[in-house]
Protein backbone atom coordinates (compact mmCIF):
# COMPACT_ATOMS: atom_id res chain seq x y z
CA UNK A 1 -1.05 30.62 -14.99
CA UNK A 2 2.77 29.91 -15.30
CA UNK A 3 4.92 32.62 -14.56
CA UNK A 4 8.05 33.56 -16.20
CA UNK A 5 10.92 35.46 -15.27
CA UNK A 6 14.20 36.70 -16.91
CA UNK A 7 17.43 37.68 -15.39
CA UNK A 8 18.33 41.32 -16.09
CA UNK A 9 21.85 40.29 -16.38
CA UNK A 10 22.06 38.64 -20.01
CA UNK A 11 25.63 36.84 -18.68
CA UNK A 12 23.34 35.26 -16.07
CA UNK A 13 19.87 34.79 -17.72
CA UNK A 14 18.22 31.84 -19.08
CA UNK A 15 15.99 31.80 -21.85
CA UNK A 16 12.36 31.29 -21.60
CA UNK A 17 11.79 27.61 -21.08
CA UNK A 18 10.38 25.21 -23.63
CA UNK A 19 7.16 25.31 -21.80
CA UNK A 20 6.40 28.84 -22.77
CA UNK A 21 6.13 27.71 -26.56
CA UNK A 22 3.82 24.92 -25.67
CA UNK A 23 1.55 25.95 -23.13
CA UNK A 24 -2.06 27.13 -24.72
CA UNK A 25 -2.87 28.82 -21.53
CA UNK A 26 0.10 31.01 -21.82
CA UNK A 27 -0.57 31.56 -25.92
CA UNK A 28 -4.21 32.59 -24.75
CA UNK A 29 -2.89 35.42 -22.24
CA UNK A 30 -0.40 36.65 -24.84
CA UNK A 31 -3.20 37.41 -27.07
CA UNK A 32 -4.86 39.56 -23.92
CA UNK A 33 -1.79 40.79 -22.12
CA UNK A 34 0.06 41.72 -25.01
CA UNK A 35 -1.35 42.16 -28.40
CA UNK A 36 -4.30 43.78 -26.76
CA UNK A 37 -1.68 46.34 -25.14
CA UNK A 38 0.81 47.37 -28.25
CA UNK A 39 0.62 48.82 -31.57
CA UNK A 40 0.00 47.23 -34.47
CA UNK A 41 0.24 47.97 -37.96
CA UNK A 42 -3.03 48.30 -39.97
CA UNK A 43 -1.89 49.36 -43.68
CA UNK A 44 -0.86 52.31 -45.45
CA UNK A 45 -2.63 55.63 -46.28
CA UNK A 46 -3.23 54.52 -49.70
CA UNK A 47 -6.32 52.51 -48.09
CA UNK A 48 -7.99 56.21 -47.77
CA UNK A 49 -6.12 58.13 -50.65
CA UNK A 50 -9.30 60.54 -51.02
CA UNK A 51 -11.16 62.49 -48.64
CA UNK A 52 -14.60 60.77 -47.67
CA UNK A 53 -13.39 57.66 -48.34
CA UNK A 54 -13.76 54.47 -45.74
CA UNK A 55 -11.90 51.31 -45.42
CA UNK A 56 -13.05 48.49 -43.24
CA UNK A 57 -10.69 45.91 -42.01
CA UNK A 58 -10.11 43.13 -39.49
CA UNK A 59 -7.27 43.60 -36.84
CA UNK A 60 -5.09 40.58 -37.15
CA UNK A 61 -8.09 38.43 -38.67
CA UNK A 62 -7.89 34.87 -37.13
CA UNK A 63 -6.15 36.10 -33.83
CA UNK A 64 -7.57 39.63 -32.66
CA UNK A 65 -10.26 39.35 -35.10
CA UNK A 66 -10.87 43.18 -34.05
CA UNK A 67 -13.46 45.19 -36.80
CA UNK A 68 -11.94 48.54 -37.53
CA UNK A 69 -12.72 51.10 -40.30
CA UNK A 70 -10.13 53.59 -41.45
CA UNK A 71 -11.91 57.12 -42.69
CA UNK A 72 -10.58 60.35 -44.51
CA UNK A 73 -12.80 63.15 -43.58
CA UNK A 74 -13.22 66.07 -45.40
CA UNK A 75 -10.57 67.90 -43.94
CA UNK A 76 -8.35 65.29 -44.75
CA UNK A 77 -7.73 63.69 -41.28
CA UNK A 78 -7.69 59.99 -40.87
CA UNK A 79 -9.44 58.24 -38.39
CA UNK A 80 -9.29 54.74 -36.93
CA UNK A 81 -12.84 53.75 -35.44
CA UNK A 82 -14.51 50.66 -34.25
CA UNK A 83 -16.87 49.12 -37.51
CA UNK A 84 -19.42 48.03 -34.90
CA UNK A 85 -22.27 49.78 -34.53
CA UNK A 86 -23.07 51.25 -30.94
CA UNK A 87 -27.07 49.96 -31.08
CA UNK A 88 -27.08 46.40 -31.87
CA UNK A 89 -23.34 45.70 -32.87
CA UNK A 90 -23.63 45.11 -36.55
CA UNK A 91 -21.21 46.15 -38.78
CA UNK A 92 -21.20 49.64 -40.02
CA UNK A 93 -18.84 49.68 -43.21
CA UNK A 94 -18.83 46.35 -45.46
CA UNK A 95 -17.13 47.58 -48.43
CA UNK A 96 -14.32 50.40 -49.09
CA UNK A 97 -15.70 53.42 -51.06
CA UNK A 98 -16.67 56.86 -50.87
CA UNK A 99 -19.01 57.86 -48.17
CA UNK A 100 -19.99 61.11 -46.68
CA UNK A 101 -21.47 59.28 -43.47
CA UNK A 102 -21.29 55.95 -41.92
CA UNK A 103 -24.71 54.73 -41.86
CA UNK A 104 -25.64 51.22 -40.40
CA UNK A 105 -27.86 49.30 -42.83
CA UNK A 106 -29.23 47.31 -39.99
CA UNK A 107 -31.70 50.14 -38.20
CA UNK A 108 -30.29 53.16 -40.18
CA UNK A 109 -28.16 54.76 -37.06
CA UNK A 110 -25.78 57.18 -38.53
CA UNK A 111 -22.14 58.48 -37.89
CA UNK A 112 -19.92 61.20 -39.08
CA UNK A 113 -16.44 59.96 -40.67
CA UNK A 114 -14.99 61.16 -37.28
CA UNK A 115 -17.35 58.30 -35.49
CA UNK A 116 -19.55 61.02 -33.75
CA UNK A 117 -23.02 59.72 -33.25
CA UNK A 118 -25.44 61.71 -35.72
CA UNK A 119 -29.04 60.43 -35.63
CA UNK A 120 -31.04 57.29 -35.12
CA UNK A 121 -34.45 56.67 -36.32
CA UNK A 122 -37.26 55.55 -33.73
CA UNK A 123 -35.52 56.95 -30.74
CA UNK A 124 -37.18 60.30 -30.15
CA UNK A 125 -39.05 58.43 -26.83
CA UNK A 126 -35.46 57.06 -25.67
CA UNK A 127 -34.59 58.97 -22.36
CA UNK A 128 -30.92 60.11 -21.44
CA UNK A 129 -30.21 59.67 -25.49
CA UNK A 130 -27.39 60.34 -26.78
CA UNK A 131 -24.87 59.42 -24.61
CA UNK A 132 -21.16 59.89 -25.10
CA UNK A 133 -21.25 56.02 -25.54
CA UNK A 134 -23.19 56.27 -28.91
CA UNK A 135 -20.17 57.25 -30.83
CA UNK A 136 -18.07 54.90 -32.34
CA UNK A 137 -14.93 53.73 -30.27
CA UNK A 138 -11.82 55.97 -31.48
CA UNK A 139 -8.24 53.76 -31.29
CA UNK A 140 -5.50 55.70 -30.97
CA UNK A 141 -3.55 55.82 -34.60
CA UNK A 142 -0.24 56.94 -35.45
CA UNK A 143 1.49 57.65 -38.85
CA UNK A 144 4.98 57.21 -40.16
CA UNK A 145 5.54 58.40 -43.67
CA UNK A 146 2.78 56.65 -45.62
CA UNK A 147 2.53 53.86 -42.80
CA UNK A 148 -0.49 53.34 -40.50
CA UNK A 149 -0.53 51.94 -37.06
CA UNK A 150 -3.28 51.68 -34.26
CA UNK A 151 -3.66 50.41 -30.71
CA UNK A 152 -6.37 48.51 -28.85
CA UNK A 153 -4.62 49.69 -25.43
CA UNK A 154 -1.99 49.87 -23.18
CA UNK A 155 0.71 52.60 -22.45
CA UNK A 156 3.25 52.41 -25.20
CA UNK A 157 4.07 56.01 -26.69
CA UNK A 158 4.68 54.97 -30.23
CA UNK A 159 5.46 58.58 -31.39
CA UNK A 160 8.49 58.28 -29.19
CA UNK A 161 9.41 54.98 -30.94
CA UNK A 162 9.09 56.88 -34.48
CA UNK A 163 10.79 59.59 -33.09
CA UNK A 164 14.10 57.42 -32.10
CA UNK A 165 13.29 55.15 -35.45
CA UNK A 166 13.98 58.29 -37.24
CA UNK A 167 17.40 59.26 -35.62
CA UNK A 168 18.58 55.92 -37.83
CA UNK A 169 16.37 56.60 -41.19
CA UNK A 170 14.83 59.92 -41.03
CA UNK A 171 16.93 60.86 -43.74
CA UNK A 172 14.94 58.72 -46.15
CA UNK A 173 11.71 60.30 -48.02
CA UNK A 174 9.44 57.59 -46.66
CA UNK A 175 6.42 59.40 -48.35
CA UNK A 176 8.17 58.60 -51.50
CA UNK A 177 8.22 55.02 -51.03
CA UNK A 178 5.74 52.98 -53.02
CA UNK A 179 3.84 49.54 -52.01
CA UNK A 180 5.04 46.85 -54.76
CA UNK A 181 2.34 44.22 -54.46
CA UNK A 182 4.95 41.91 -56.91
CA UNK A 183 7.67 41.92 -54.18
CA UNK A 184 5.31 41.74 -51.35
CA UNK A 185 4.31 37.97 -50.20
CA UNK A 186 2.63 35.96 -47.45
CA UNK A 187 4.66 33.03 -45.82
CA UNK A 188 2.86 30.43 -43.18
CA UNK A 189 5.39 28.83 -40.72
CA UNK A 190 4.74 26.01 -39.01
CA UNK A 191 5.95 27.44 -35.59
CA UNK A 192 5.09 29.49 -32.69
CA UNK A 193 5.03 33.39 -33.66
CA UNK A 194 7.69 34.06 -30.82
CA UNK A 195 10.41 31.71 -32.12
CA UNK A 196 10.12 33.38 -35.72
CA UNK A 197 10.90 36.73 -33.31
CA UNK A 198 13.56 35.05 -31.34
CA UNK A 199 15.38 34.12 -34.77
CA UNK A 200 14.91 37.57 -36.21
CA UNK A 201 16.52 39.21 -33.16
CA UNK A 202 19.83 38.05 -33.44
CA UNK A 203 22.55 38.13 -36.41
CA UNK A 204 24.14 35.42 -34.41
CA UNK A 205 22.97 32.61 -37.14
CA UNK A 206 23.95 34.60 -40.20
CA UNK A 207 26.93 32.99 -40.92
CA UNK A 208 25.72 29.40 -40.12
CA UNK A 209 22.44 29.67 -41.85
CA UNK A 210 22.51 32.49 -44.66
CA UNK A 211 25.76 32.01 -46.74
CA UNK A 212 24.63 34.87 -49.57
CA UNK A 213 23.51 37.16 -46.50
CA UNK A 214 26.85 36.78 -44.68
CA UNK A 215 28.82 37.40 -47.89
CA UNK A 216 27.16 40.73 -48.33
CA UNK A 217 27.51 41.71 -44.51
CA UNK A 218 30.84 42.29 -42.25
CA UNK A 219 29.52 40.06 -39.63
CA UNK A 220 32.37 41.23 -37.05
CA UNK A 221 30.90 44.55 -36.78
CA UNK A 222 27.36 43.22 -36.93
CA UNK A 223 25.56 45.31 -33.81
CA UNK A 224 22.26 45.63 -31.97
CA UNK A 225 21.03 48.78 -30.13
CA UNK A 226 18.34 48.29 -27.59
CA UNK A 227 15.91 51.16 -26.91
CA UNK A 228 12.60 51.28 -25.04
CA UNK A 229 9.94 48.79 -26.65
CA UNK A 230 12.12 48.30 -29.93
CA UNK A 231 15.88 47.68 -31.07
CA UNK A 232 17.63 48.21 -34.17
CA UNK A 233 20.49 45.49 -35.76
CA UNK A 234 22.58 47.36 -38.09
CA UNK A 235 24.30 45.61 -40.91
CA UNK A 236 27.49 46.99 -42.38
CA UNK A 237 28.96 45.87 -45.55
CA UNK A 238 32.03 44.15 -46.45
CA UNK A 239 32.44 46.92 -49.30
CA UNK A 240 31.47 49.99 -50.47
CA UNK A 241 28.73 49.29 -52.84
CA UNK A 242 25.18 48.90 -51.76
CA UNK A 243 25.03 50.96 -48.68
CA UNK A 244 23.30 54.02 -47.61
CA UNK A 245 24.52 57.47 -48.72
CA UNK A 246 24.18 58.73 -44.98
CA UNK A 247 23.71 62.63 -44.85
CA UNK A 248 26.36 64.63 -42.60
CA UNK A 249 25.57 64.66 -39.08
CA UNK A 250 24.02 61.26 -39.10
CA UNK A 251 25.00 58.55 -36.20
CA UNK A 252 26.50 56.43 -38.57
CA UNK A 253 28.24 59.05 -40.80
CA UNK A 254 31.42 57.81 -42.34
CA UNK A 255 30.11 53.91 -41.73
CA UNK A 256 29.30 51.43 -44.44
CA UNK A 257 25.96 50.61 -43.72
CA UNK A 258 23.85 48.09 -45.45
CA UNK A 259 20.87 47.67 -43.79
CA UNK A 260 18.79 48.81 -40.49
CA UNK A 261 16.43 46.08 -38.85
CA UNK A 262 13.89 47.57 -36.74
CA UNK A 263 12.20 45.52 -34.46
CA UNK A 264 8.78 46.77 -32.41
CA UNK A 265 7.39 45.27 -29.73
CA UNK A 266 5.85 42.30 -30.12
CA UNK A 267 5.77 41.68 -33.57
CA UNK A 268 6.21 44.28 -36.41
CA UNK A 269 9.62 44.47 -38.30
CA UNK A 270 10.75 47.30 -41.03
CA UNK A 271 13.74 46.40 -42.66
CA UNK A 272 15.39 49.36 -44.69
CA UNK A 273 17.84 48.75 -47.44
CA UNK A 274 19.17 51.24 -49.83
CA UNK A 275 16.32 50.23 -52.23
CA UNK A 276 13.48 50.73 -49.77
CA UNK A 277 11.79 49.17 -46.88
CA UNK A 278 10.56 45.57 -46.10
CA UNK A 279 7.74 45.55 -43.61
CA UNK A 280 7.28 42.35 -41.97
CA UNK A 281 4.21 41.83 -39.61
CA UNK A 282 4.00 38.44 -37.68
CA UNK A 283 0.71 37.13 -37.21
CA UNK A 284 -0.07 34.09 -34.82
CA UNK A 285 -2.55 31.79 -35.83
CA UNK A 286 -2.44 29.26 -33.36
CA UNK A 287 0.28 27.83 -30.90
CA UNK A 288 2.12 26.22 -33.53
CA UNK A 289 1.29 28.18 -36.82
CA UNK A 290 2.08 32.02 -37.57
CA UNK A 291 1.70 34.19 -41.07
CA UNK A 292 4.48 36.37 -41.81
CA UNK A 293 3.65 39.00 -44.07
CA UNK A 294 6.53 40.63 -46.43
CA UNK A 295 5.34 44.09 -47.70
CA UNK A 296 7.86 45.70 -49.79
CA UNK A 297 7.85 49.76 -50.49
CA UNK A 298 10.40 50.71 -52.96
CA UNK A 299 12.15 53.80 -53.18
CA UNK A 300 15.46 53.24 -55.46
CA UNK A 301 14.27 50.20 -57.87
CA UNK A 302 18.22 49.93 -59.60
CA UNK A 303 19.21 48.72 -56.13
CA UNK A 304 16.55 46.11 -55.61
CA UNK A 305 18.18 42.83 -55.75
CA UNK A 306 21.62 44.03 -54.54
CA UNK A 307 23.41 43.82 -51.40
CA UNK A 308 21.90 42.80 -48.11
CA UNK A 309 18.18 43.22 -49.45
CA UNK A 310 18.68 40.99 -51.95
CA UNK A 311 17.31 37.65 -52.14
CA UNK A 312 14.86 38.03 -49.37
CA UNK A 313 12.74 35.10 -50.39
CA UNK A 314 15.51 32.85 -50.04
CA UNK A 315 16.57 33.99 -46.56
CA UNK A 316 13.34 33.81 -45.37
CA UNK A 317 13.13 30.32 -46.48
CA UNK A 318 16.23 29.36 -44.71
CA UNK A 319 14.90 31.26 -41.46
CA UNK A 320 11.80 29.05 -41.56
CA UNK A 321 13.56 25.96 -41.71
CA UNK A 322 15.32 26.70 -38.82
CA UNK A 323 12.35 28.33 -36.61
CA UNK A 324 10.25 25.10 -37.67
CA UNK A 325 13.31 22.98 -36.62
CA UNK A 326 13.39 24.47 -33.32
CA UNK A 327 9.57 23.87 -32.95
CA UNK A 328 10.15 20.12 -33.35
CA UNK A 329 13.30 20.22 -30.75
CA UNK A 330 11.18 21.95 -28.38
CA UNK A 331 8.81 18.91 -28.05
CA UNK A 332 11.78 17.07 -26.21
CA UNK A 333 11.38 16.34 -22.43
CA UNK A 334 14.94 16.83 -22.10
CA UNK A 335 15.54 20.29 -23.35
CA UNK A 336 14.23 23.01 -20.71
CA UNK A 337 15.98 26.33 -21.65
CA UNK A 338 19.21 27.58 -22.77
CA UNK A 339 21.54 30.68 -22.45
CA UNK A 340 22.47 33.83 -24.05
CA UNK A 341 25.18 35.14 -25.99
CA UNK A 342 25.91 38.14 -24.13
CA UNK A 343 27.47 39.62 -27.14
CA UNK A 344 25.41 38.63 -29.69
CA UNK A 345 21.84 38.09 -28.58
CA UNK A 346 20.93 40.88 -26.86
CA UNK A 347 17.75 41.52 -28.63
CA UNK A 348 16.36 38.12 -27.75
CA UNK A 349 17.03 38.61 -24.07
CA UNK A 350 15.28 41.72 -24.56
CA UNK A 351 12.47 40.36 -26.14
CA UNK A 352 11.86 37.61 -23.61
CA UNK A 353 12.32 40.04 -20.54
CA UNK A 354 9.38 41.85 -22.09
CA UNK A 355 7.53 38.96 -22.69
CA UNK A 356 7.91 37.76 -19.03
CA UNK A 357 7.29 41.40 -17.90
CA UNK A 358 3.93 41.83 -19.69
CA UNK A 359 2.63 38.44 -18.78
CA UNK A 360 3.43 39.37 -14.99
């Protein structure tokens, strides 16, 4: 397997080589070494709004293809479980709905809504049964406002990530944010998933690519703040309109903040505007194709089409054009790698460093 290394000093570092984005073996290793070891978006609490409710899902279908089922037990606790019966591997839940128990339709194995094995026909003569492994696998999960996350493995402390992000947006009542299907959309991008993240992780391109967004933001004061396993780009407004009403004592008190753009390793983006939140989930489909889901959660509809959070579809199309152009450019035999702007590409440098480290 190819080995990658990024200099810790951004002033000396070179980007990941073009071969990184072209190599199928590396793409396959990313699945095993990064996505199976990181946190992923699984939906929101509306999927299991009522007690004794279950909702099957497939985590990143077409890439990870992990069958899961969300449940809410009678106490109101939400569980994220494997949707695979521990007897013969059949799916336990096929449709969302109200259920007191999870019962496999193949041979009748029964589980509680917390995933605990309860009973199985025709197993009285089985020795050393039941064992702990008869329970459904429980995935570690986390909740941020109405948003739900789970991980397949790895050691990332996502609750710490949430705590740190709340230092910026904790004043917002996330539980009051309402999903808006009309404002939500999927995009198909003909490029490597990491190229899409590269583009997101810097505001360097804004004056050159996004004329409308550039008019809403003060490019000179745009900044990137790095944290463990995530970063935040802070977009300041040119004027006093379409900005957050920041509370006293906030780390940006007195400043004209128009947007907070959070990226969480490796593929989740949370864009906060005065109107609410746009969740962007980047899903690899193949070496050369990516699906990006824009999910809108509205808090103040009166501000929906104003400021930095306006014209999101136009901004996305502009980003796609650039990213797909880079995808084509990386076919060149003459481009090897580039350099980072020490003042504008700290987020990209962090991303490349983490990719190289996880690929080991």
